[in-house]
C-alpha atoms as a PDB file:
ATOM      1  CA  MET A   1      12.271   0.024 -26.617  1.00  0.00           C
ATOM      2  CA  ASN A   2      15.736  -0.199 -24.910  1.00  0.00           C
ATOM      3  CA  ILE A   3      15.050  -1.251 -21.210  1.00  0.00           C
ATOM      4  CA  ALA A   4      17.266  -0.961 -18.178  1.00  0.00           C
ATOM      5  CA  LEU A   5      16.355  -3.384 -15.316  1.00  0.00           C
ATOM      6  CA  ILE A   6      17.196  -1.869 -11.905  1.00  0.00           C
ATOM      7  CA  GLY A   7      17.114  -4.959  -9.746  1.00  0.00           C
ATOM      8  CA  TYR A   8      17.761  -8.407 -11.522  1.00  0.00           C
ATOM      9  CA  GLY A   9      16.231 -10.708  -9.070  1.00  0.00           C
ATOM     10  CA  LYS A  10      13.117 -12.922  -9.848  1.00  0.00           C
ATOM     11  CA  MET A  11      10.910 -10.109 -10.972  1.00  0.00           C
ATOM     12  CA  GLY A  12      13.712  -8.684 -13.281  1.00  0.00           C
ATOM     13  CA  LYS A  13      14.297 -11.885 -14.792  1.00  0.00           C
ATOM     14  CA  THR A  14      10.554 -12.513 -15.397  1.00  0.00           C
ATOM     15  CA  ILE A  15      10.261  -8.978 -16.969  1.00  0.00           C
ATOM     16  CA  GLU A  16      13.240  -9.842 -19.240  1.00  0.00           C
ATOM     17  CA  GLN A  17      11.560 -13.178 -20.327  1.00  0.00           C
ATOM     18  CA  LEU A  18       8.349 -11.407 -21.267  1.00  0.00           C
ATOM     19  CA  ALA A  19       9.599  -8.154 -22.769  1.00  0.00           C
ATOM     20  CA  ILE A  20      11.931  -9.786 -25.414  1.00  0.00           C
ATOM     21  CA  PRO A  21       9.264 -11.520 -27.271  1.00  0.00           C
ATOM     22  CA  ARG A  22       7.272  -8.153 -27.332  1.00  0.00           C
ATOM     23  CA  GLY A  23      10.421  -6.802 -29.420  1.00  0.00           C
ATOM     24  CA  HIS A  24      12.164  -4.910 -26.507  1.00  0.00           C
ATOM     25  CA  GLN A  25      15.790  -5.263 -25.744  1.00  0.00           C
ATOM     26  CA  ILE A  26      17.333  -5.339 -22.141  1.00  0.00           C
ATOM     27  CA  VAL A  27      20.243  -3.071 -22.684  1.00  0.00           C
ATOM     28  CA  LEU A  28      21.315  -2.807 -18.992  1.00  0.00           C
ATOM     29  CA  LYS A  29      20.928  -4.910 -15.903  1.00  0.00           C
ATOM     30  CA  ILE A  30      21.700  -3.268 -12.592  1.00  0.00           C
ATOM     31  CA  ASP A  31      22.066  -5.315  -9.428  1.00  0.00           C
ATOM     32  CA  LYS A  32      24.224  -4.953  -6.233  1.00  0.00           C
ATOM     33  CA  GLU A  33      27.285  -6.631  -8.095  1.00  0.00           C
ATOM     34  CA  ASN A  34      27.549  -3.906 -10.872  1.00  0.00           C
ATOM     35  CA  LEU A  35      26.401  -0.573  -9.378  1.00  0.00           C
ATOM     36  CA  ASP A  36      29.252   1.018 -11.067  1.00  0.00           C
ATOM     37  CA  GLU A  37      27.325   0.565 -14.268  1.00  0.00           C
ATOM     38  CA  PHE A  38      24.603   2.618 -13.021  1.00  0.00           C
ATOM     39  CA  ASN A  39      25.782   5.795 -14.843  1.00  0.00           C
ATOM     40  CA  ALA A  40      25.222   8.608 -17.534  1.00  0.00           C
ATOM     41  CA  VAL A  41      27.087   6.760 -20.075  1.00  0.00           C
ATOM     42  CA  ASN A  42      25.242   3.576 -20.023  1.00  0.00           C
ATOM     43  CA  PHE A  43      21.814   5.357 -19.720  1.00  0.00           C
ATOM     44  CA  ARG A  44      22.421   7.148 -22.893  1.00  0.00           C
ATOM     45  CA  LYS A  45      21.090   4.069 -24.642  1.00  0.00           C
ATOM     46  CA  VAL A  46      18.263   3.485 -22.352  1.00  0.00           C
ATOM     47  CA  ASP A  47      14.563   4.519 -23.293  1.00  0.00           C
ATOM     48  CA  VAL A  48      12.774   3.532 -19.966  1.00  0.00           C
ATOM     49  CA  ALA A  49      13.933   1.928 -16.894  1.00  0.00           C
ATOM     50  CA  ILE A  50      12.102  -0.798 -14.730  1.00  0.00           C
ATOM     51  CA  GLU A  51      12.838  -0.876 -11.125  1.00  0.00           C
ATOM     52  CA  PHE A  52      12.151  -3.662  -8.721  1.00  0.00           C
ATOM     53  CA  THR A  53      14.658  -3.696  -5.618  1.00  0.00           C
ATOM     54  CA  ARG A  54      14.273  -3.121  -2.012  1.00  0.00           C
ATOM     55  CA  PRO A  55      12.350  -0.439   0.192  1.00  0.00           C
ATOM     56  CA  ASP A  56      15.667   0.854   1.425  1.00  0.00           C
ATOM     57  CA  ASN A  57      17.229   1.315  -2.050  1.00  0.00           C
ATOM     58  CA  ALA A  58      14.170   2.389  -4.205  1.00  0.00           C
ATOM     59  CA  PHE A  59      14.076   6.198  -3.395  1.00  0.00           C
ATOM     60  CA  ASP A  60      17.814   6.540  -4.480  1.00  0.00           C
ATOM     61  CA  ASN A  61      17.309   4.575  -7.378  1.00  0.00           C
ATOM     62  CA  ILE A  62      14.378   6.432  -8.781  1.00  0.00           C
ATOM     63  CA  GLU A  63      15.926   9.829  -7.926  1.00  0.00           C
ATOM     64  CA  LYS A  64      19.151   8.791  -9.792  1.00  0.00           C
ATOM     65  CA  THR A  65      17.322   7.453 -12.891  1.00  0.00           C
ATOM     66  CA  LEU A  66      15.270  10.678 -12.946  1.00  0.00           C
ATOM     67  CA  LYS A  67      18.463  12.862 -12.892  1.00  0.00           C
ATOM     68  CA  LEU A  68      19.649  10.907 -15.714  1.00  0.00           C
ATOM     69  CA  LYS A  69      16.718  11.966 -17.539  1.00  0.00           C
ATOM     70  CA  THR A  70      15.261   8.612 -18.050  1.00  0.00           C
ATOM     71  CA  PRO A  71      11.539   7.583 -17.564  1.00  0.00           C
ATOM     72  CA  ILE A  72      11.201   5.008 -14.819  1.00  0.00           C
ATOM     73  CA  VAL A  73       8.557   2.527 -13.682  1.00  0.00           C
ATOM     74  CA  SER A  74       8.906   1.310 -10.108  1.00  0.00           C
ATOM     75  CA  GLY A  75       7.402  -1.669  -8.522  1.00  0.00           C
ATOM     76  CA  THR A  76       9.060  -1.427  -5.049  1.00  0.00           C
ATOM     77  CA  THR A  77       6.893  -0.940  -2.278  1.00  0.00           C
ATOM     78  CA  GLY A  78       7.569   0.039   1.469  1.00  0.00           C
ATOM     79  CA  TRP A  79       8.916   3.572   0.888  1.00  0.00           C
ATOM     80  CA  PHE A  80       5.768   5.480  -0.096  1.00  0.00           C
ATOM     81  CA  GLU A  81       6.026   7.829   3.025  1.00  0.00           C
ATOM     82  CA  ARG A  82       8.555   9.681   0.802  1.00  0.00           C
ATOM     83  CA  LEU A  83       6.119   9.831  -2.339  1.00  0.00           C
ATOM     84  CA  ASP A  84       5.746  13.613  -1.900  1.00  0.00           C
ATOM     85  CA  GLU A  85       9.264  14.152  -1.898  1.00  0.00           C
ATOM     86  CA  MET A  86       9.745  12.088  -5.076  1.00  0.00           C
ATOM     87  CA  LYS A  87       6.837  14.169  -6.745  1.00  0.00           C
ATOM     88  CA  THR A  88       8.888  17.318  -6.109  1.00  0.00           C
ATOM     89  CA  ILE A  89      11.945  15.817  -7.485  1.00  0.00           C
ATOM     90  CA  CYS A  90      10.238  14.579 -10.592  1.00  0.00           C
ATOM     91  CA  ALA A  91       8.572  17.855 -11.212  1.00  0.00           C
ATOM     92  CA  LYS A  92      12.016  19.693 -10.836  1.00  0.00           C
ATOM     93  CA  GLU A  93      13.757  17.496 -13.388  1.00  0.00           C
ATOM     94  CA  LYS A  94      10.569  17.299 -15.686  1.00  0.00           C
ATOM     95  CA  GLY A  95      10.986  13.657 -15.796  1.00  0.00           C
ATOM     96  CA  ALA A  96       8.391  10.734 -16.135  1.00  0.00           C
ATOM     97  CA  PHE A  97       7.820   8.421 -13.124  1.00  0.00           C
ATOM     98  CA  LEU A  98       5.105   5.602 -12.822  1.00  0.00           C
ATOM     99  CA  TYR A  99       4.740   3.801  -9.533  1.00  0.00           C
ATOM    100  CA  ALA A 100       2.225   1.099  -8.330  1.00  0.00           C
ATOM    101  CA  SER A 101       1.888  -0.968  -5.324  1.00  0.00           C
ATOM    102  CA  ASN A 102       0.870  -3.890  -7.844  1.00  0.00           C
ATOM    103  CA  PHE A 103       1.192  -3.939 -11.733  1.00  0.00           C
ATOM    104  CA  SER A 104      -1.059  -6.882 -12.171  1.00  0.00           C
ATOM    105  CA  VAL A 105      -3.906  -5.959 -14.494  1.00  0.00           C
ATOM    106  CA  GLY A 106      -6.193  -8.322 -12.362  1.00  0.00           C
ATOM    107  CA  VAL A 107      -5.119  -6.644  -9.101  1.00  0.00           C
ATOM    108  CA  ASN A 108      -6.000  -3.252 -10.523  1.00  0.00           C
ATOM    109  CA  ILE A 109      -9.446  -4.468 -11.387  1.00  0.00           C
ATOM    110  CA  PHE A 110      -9.689  -5.995  -7.860  1.00  0.00           C
ATOM    111  CA  PHE A 111      -8.759  -2.367  -6.447  1.00  0.00           C
ATOM    112  CA  GLU A 112     -11.935  -1.069  -8.294  1.00  0.00           C
ATOM    113  CA  VAL A 113     -13.998  -3.927  -7.026  1.00  0.00           C
ATOM    114  CA  ASN A 114     -12.746  -3.406  -3.408  1.00  0.00           C
ATOM    115  CA  GLN A 115     -13.931   0.140  -3.597  1.00  0.00           C
ATOM    116  CA  LYS A 116     -17.257  -0.456  -5.072  1.00  0.00           C
ATOM    117  CA  LEU A 117     -18.045  -2.963  -2.557  1.00  0.00           C
ATOM    118  CA  ALA A 118     -16.846  -0.869   0.327  1.00  0.00           C
ATOM    119  CA  GLU A 119     -19.101   1.917  -0.969  1.00  0.00           C
ATOM    120  CA  ILE A 120     -22.163  -0.547  -0.672  1.00  0.00           C
ATOM    121  CA  MET A 121     -21.093  -1.875   2.784  1.00  0.00           C
ATOM    122  CA  ASN A 122     -20.773   1.740   4.245  1.00  0.00           C
ATOM    123  CA  ALA A 123     -24.562   1.506   4.904  1.00  0.00           C
ATOM    124  CA  HIS A 124     -24.399  -1.850   6.673  1.00  0.00           C
ATOM    125  CA  GLU A 125     -22.749  -1.188  10.038  1.00  0.00           C
ATOM    126  CA  GLN A 126     -23.431  -4.837  11.263  1.00  0.00           C
ATOM    127  CA  TYR A 127     -20.355  -6.027   9.198  1.00  0.00           C
ATOM    128  CA  ASN A 128     -16.872  -5.913  10.532  1.00  0.00           C
ATOM    129  CA  ILE A 129     -13.926  -5.868   8.246  1.00  0.00           C
ATOM    130  CA  LYS A 130     -10.827  -8.185   8.226  1.00  0.00           C
ATOM    131  CA  MET A 131      -8.010  -8.351   5.540  1.00  0.00           C
ATOM    132  CA  GLU A 132      -5.318 -10.907   5.005  1.00  0.00           C
ATOM    133  CA  GLU A 133      -2.167 -11.026   2.553  1.00  0.00           C
ATOM    134  CA  VAL A 134       0.049 -13.842   1.864  1.00  0.00           C
ATOM    135  CA  HIS A 135       3.337 -13.735   0.198  1.00  0.00           C
ATOM    136  CA  HIS A 136       6.656 -15.531  -0.356  1.00  0.00           C
ATOM    137  CA  THR A 137       9.218 -15.466   2.358  1.00  0.00           C
ATOM    138  CA  GLN A 138      11.418 -13.052   0.382  1.00  0.00           C
ATOM    139  CA  LYS A 139       8.815 -10.334   0.702  1.00  0.00           C
ATOM    140  CA  VAL A 140      10.275  -7.705   2.916  1.00  0.00           C
ATOM    141  CA  ASP A 141       7.657  -5.308   3.755  1.00  0.00           C
ATOM    142  CA  ALA A 142       4.427  -6.303   5.734  1.00  0.00           C
ATOM    143  CA  PRO A 143       1.719  -5.554   5.182  1.00  0.00           C
ATOM    144  CA  SER A 144       2.262  -5.543   1.446  1.00  0.00           C
ATOM    145  CA  GLY A 145       1.848  -2.326  -0.553  1.00  0.00           C
ATOM    146  CA  THR A 146      -1.135  -3.984  -2.297  1.00  0.00           C
ATOM    147  CA  ALA A 147      -2.832  -4.538   0.979  1.00  0.00           C
ATOM    148  CA  ILE A 148      -2.252  -1.194   2.177  1.00  0.00           C
ATOM    149  CA  THR A 149      -3.746   0.183  -1.280  1.00  0.00           C
ATOM    150  CA  LEU A 150      -6.823  -2.021  -0.585  1.00  0.00           C
ATOM    151  CA  ALA A 151      -7.193  -0.884   2.943  1.00  0.00           C
ATOM    152  CA  GLU A 152      -6.847   2.757   1.904  1.00  0.00           C
ATOM    153  CA  GLY A 153      -9.502   2.153  -0.702  1.00  0.00           C
ATOM    154  CA  ILE A 154     -11.767   0.884   1.938  1.00  0.00           C
ATOM    155  CA  LEU A 155     -10.978   3.739   4.298  1.00  0.00           C
ATOM    156  CA  LYS A 156     -12.149   6.319   1.521  1.00  0.00           C
ATOM    157  CA  LYS A 157     -15.608   4.646   1.435  1.00  0.00           C
ATOM    158  CA  ILE A 158     -16.536   3.326   4.968  1.00  0.00           C
ATOM    159  CA  GLU A 159     -16.931   6.121   7.455  1.00  0.00           C
ATOM    160  CA  ARG A 160     -16.973   4.153  10.552  1.00  0.00           C
ATOM    161  CA  LYS A 161     -13.366   2.989   9.856  1.00  0.00           C
ATOM    162  CA  THR A 162     -10.480   5.430   9.949  1.00  0.00           C
ATOM    163  CA  GLU A 163      -7.295   3.561   9.986  1.00  0.00           C
ATOM    164  CA  TRP A 164      -5.673   0.170   9.174  1.00  0.00           C
ATOM    165  CA  ILE A 165      -3.437  -1.688  11.637  1.00  0.00           C
ATOM    166  CA  LYS A 166      -1.078  -4.651  11.283  1.00  0.00           C
ATOM    167  CA  GLU A 167      -2.447  -8.049  12.790  1.00  0.00           C
ATOM    168  CA  GLU A 168      -5.275  -7.677  15.327  1.00  0.00           C
ATOM    169  CA  ALA A 169      -7.470  -4.587  15.767  1.00  0.00           C
ATOM    170  CA  ASN A 170      -8.003  -3.268  19.107  1.00  0.00           C
ATOM    171  CA  LYS A 171     -10.594  -0.439  18.337  1.00  0.00           C
ATOM    172  CA  ASP A 172     -13.829  -0.617  16.399  1.00  0.00           C
ATOM    173  CA  ILE A 173     -12.485   2.064  14.069  1.00  0.00           C
ATOM    174  CA  GLN A 174      -9.409  -0.069  12.804  1.00  0.00           C
ATOM    175  CA  ILE A 175      -9.328  -2.554   9.885  1.00  0.00           C
ATOM    176  CA  PRO A 176      -6.911  -5.239  10.706  1.00  0.00           C
ATOM    177  CA  ILE A 177      -4.228  -6.558   8.116  1.00  0.00           C
ATOM    178  CA  VAL A 178      -2.880 -10.247   8.880  1.00  0.00           C
ATOM    179  CA  SER A 179       0.371 -11.007   6.928  1.00  0.00           C
ATOM    180  CA  LYS A 180       1.693 -14.380   6.257  1.00  0.00           C
ATOM    181  CA  ARG A 181       4.907 -15.293   4.617  1.00  0.00           C
ATOM    182  CA  ILE A 182       4.965 -18.916   2.937  1.00  0.00           C
ATOM    183  CA  ASP A 183       7.467 -20.167   0.301  1.00  0.00           C
ATOM    184  CA  HIS A 184       6.578 -19.875  -3.397  1.00  0.00           C
ATOM    185  CA  VAL A 185       3.363 -17.771  -2.946  1.00  0.00           C
ATOM    186  CA  PRO A 186       3.373 -15.053  -5.460  1.00  0.00           C
ATOM    187  CA  GLY A 187       0.521 -13.091  -3.690  1.00  0.00           C
ATOM    188  CA  THR A 188      -2.903 -13.483  -2.335  1.00  0.00           C
ATOM    189  CA  HIS A 189      -5.085 -10.732  -0.863  1.00  0.00           C
ATOM    190  CA  SER A 190      -8.581 -11.351   0.738  1.00  0.00           C
ATOM    191  CA  ILE A 191     -11.058  -8.949   2.413  1.00  0.00           C
ATOM    192  CA  GLU A 192     -13.810 -10.232   4.541  1.00  0.00           C
ATOM    193  CA  TYR A 193     -17.068  -8.484   5.700  1.00  0.00           C
ATOM    194  CA  ILE A 194     -18.295 -10.371   8.739  1.00  0.00           C
ATOM    195  CA  SER A 195     -21.503 -10.200  10.572  1.00  0.00           C
ATOM    196  CA  GLU A 196     -23.241 -12.627  12.997  1.00  0.00           C
ATOM    197  CA  ILE A 197     -25.360 -14.099  10.167  1.00  0.00           C
ATOM    198  CA  ASP A 198     -22.890 -14.333   7.324  1.00  0.00           C
ATOM    199  CA  THR A 199     -19.574 -13.462   5.691  1.00  0.00           C
ATOM    200  CA  ILE A 200     -18.857 -11.809   2.369  1.00  0.00           C
ATOM    201  CA  GLU A 201     -15.598 -12.325   0.921  1.00  0.00           C
ATOM    202  CA  ILE A 202     -13.554 -10.997  -2.123  1.00  0.00           C
ATOM    203  CA  LYS A 203     -10.117 -12.458  -3.038  1.00  0.00           C
ATOM    204  CA  HIS A 204      -7.474 -12.130  -5.641  1.00  0.00           C
ATOM    205  CA  THR A 205      -4.837 -14.845  -5.985  1.00  0.00           C
ATOM    206  CA  ALA A 206      -1.786 -14.610  -8.179  1.00  0.00           C
ATOM    207  CA  HIS A 207      -0.671 -17.912  -9.594  1.00  0.00           C
ATOM    208  CA  THR A 208       2.662 -16.587 -11.044  1.00  0.00           C
ATOM    209  CA  ARG A 209       4.895 -13.508 -11.171  1.00  0.00           C
ATOM    210  CA  LYS A 210       4.222 -13.137 -14.786  1.00  0.00           C
ATOM    211  CA  GLY A 211       1.131 -10.932 -14.185  1.00  0.00           C
ATOM    212  CA  PHE A 212       3.142  -8.334 -12.210  1.00  0.00           C
ATOM    213  CA  ALA A 213       5.723  -8.358 -14.878  1.00  0.00           C
ATOM    214  CA  PHE A 214       3.512  -7.845 -17.801  1.00  0.00           C
ATOM    215  CA  GLY A 215       1.895  -5.035 -16.230  1.00  0.00           C
ATOM    216  CA  ALA A 216       5.264  -3.444 -15.536  1.00  0.00           C
ATOM    217  CA  ILE A 217       6.021  -3.762 -19.398  1.00  0.00           C
ATOM    218  CA  LEU A 218       2.830  -2.325 -20.195  1.00  0.00           C
ATOM    219  CA  ALA A 219       3.602   0.681 -17.778  1.00  0.00           C
ATOM    220  CA  ALA A 220       6.927   1.194 -19.328  1.00  0.00           C
ATOM    221  CA  GLU A 221       5.560   1.256 -22.904  1.00  0.00           C
ATOM    222  CA  TRP A 222       2.914   3.595 -21.874  1.00  0.00           C
ATOM    223  CA  LEU A 223       5.226   5.980 -19.894  1.00  0.00           C
ATOM    224  CA  VAL A 224       7.903   6.552 -22.905  1.00  0.00           C
ATOM    225  CA  GLY A 225       7.437  10.157 -24.106  1.00  0.00           C
ATOM    226  CA  LYS A 226       5.356  11.472 -21.289  1.00  0.00           C
ATOM    227  CA  GLU A 227       6.192  13.932 -18.411  1.00  0.00           C
ATOM    228  CA  GLY A 228       4.856  13.797 -14.930  1.00  0.00           C
ATOM    229  CA  ILE A 229       3.911  11.200 -12.172  1.00  0.00           C
ATOM    230  CA  PHE A 230       1.400   8.515 -13.048  1.00  0.00           C
ATOM    231  CA  THR A 231       0.016   5.234 -11.857  1.00  0.00           C
ATOM    232  CA  MET A 232      -1.545   1.939 -13.226  1.00  0.00           C
ATOM    233  CA  LYS A 233      -4.925   3.778 -13.232  1.00  0.00           C
ATOM    234  CA  ASP A 234      -3.548   6.223 -16.052  1.00  0.00           C
ATOM    235  CA  VAL A 235      -2.162   3.177 -17.940  1.00  0.00           C
ATOM    236  CA  LEU A 236      -5.569   1.190 -17.686  1.00  0.00           C
ATOM    237  CA  GLY A 237      -7.843   4.176 -18.115  1.00  0.00           C
ATOM    238  CA  MET A 238      -9.545   3.647 -14.924  1.00  0.00           C
END
């Protein structure tokens, strides 16, 4: 495939390192220094775009790519309040768009484990719930998109909880998400069910960015030739 990277930071560079040995070419690298290259002429040679930028840029990047008739995979989080609007744009353009709060295969397995555990714990009201996420200091949004996805998965299954909240909960119906930012931490997410007599904890720890990058490449390979809006659940057949 001929890939355009929209955002050439640490994630973009890691995607490049992993994509080339798989036989793909990076034919375009768009970053803040060369936004003028984000145009129709350059995108004629692109099979798929992979976007990792910032929450305030992601929506415009995705919309522009769809209007250039190019499938796009986006791993930027923090803009999902406009997701319905993007779905309308994608349908209008008859485009292909795949988004995820986390592209790691391990994290997507963790999403499924999280929902299954929550389903079991719905019957055990003596357990309260606490979440924590830790990321590198360059991570802009807090809580992370992955933490929000995990929290929403729990809310679907546990009737006594109706919302998540940043930091400390002040109502029994809330799930608190504590966010920490520490240098060189790719991403750690933990969920605790706490009672007076014991604690049940599940945790996912990323060791490098390679898991996220590899998942994004898998998603891009899967997306080419399709039409519609998809997630990693579609890619992994979950």
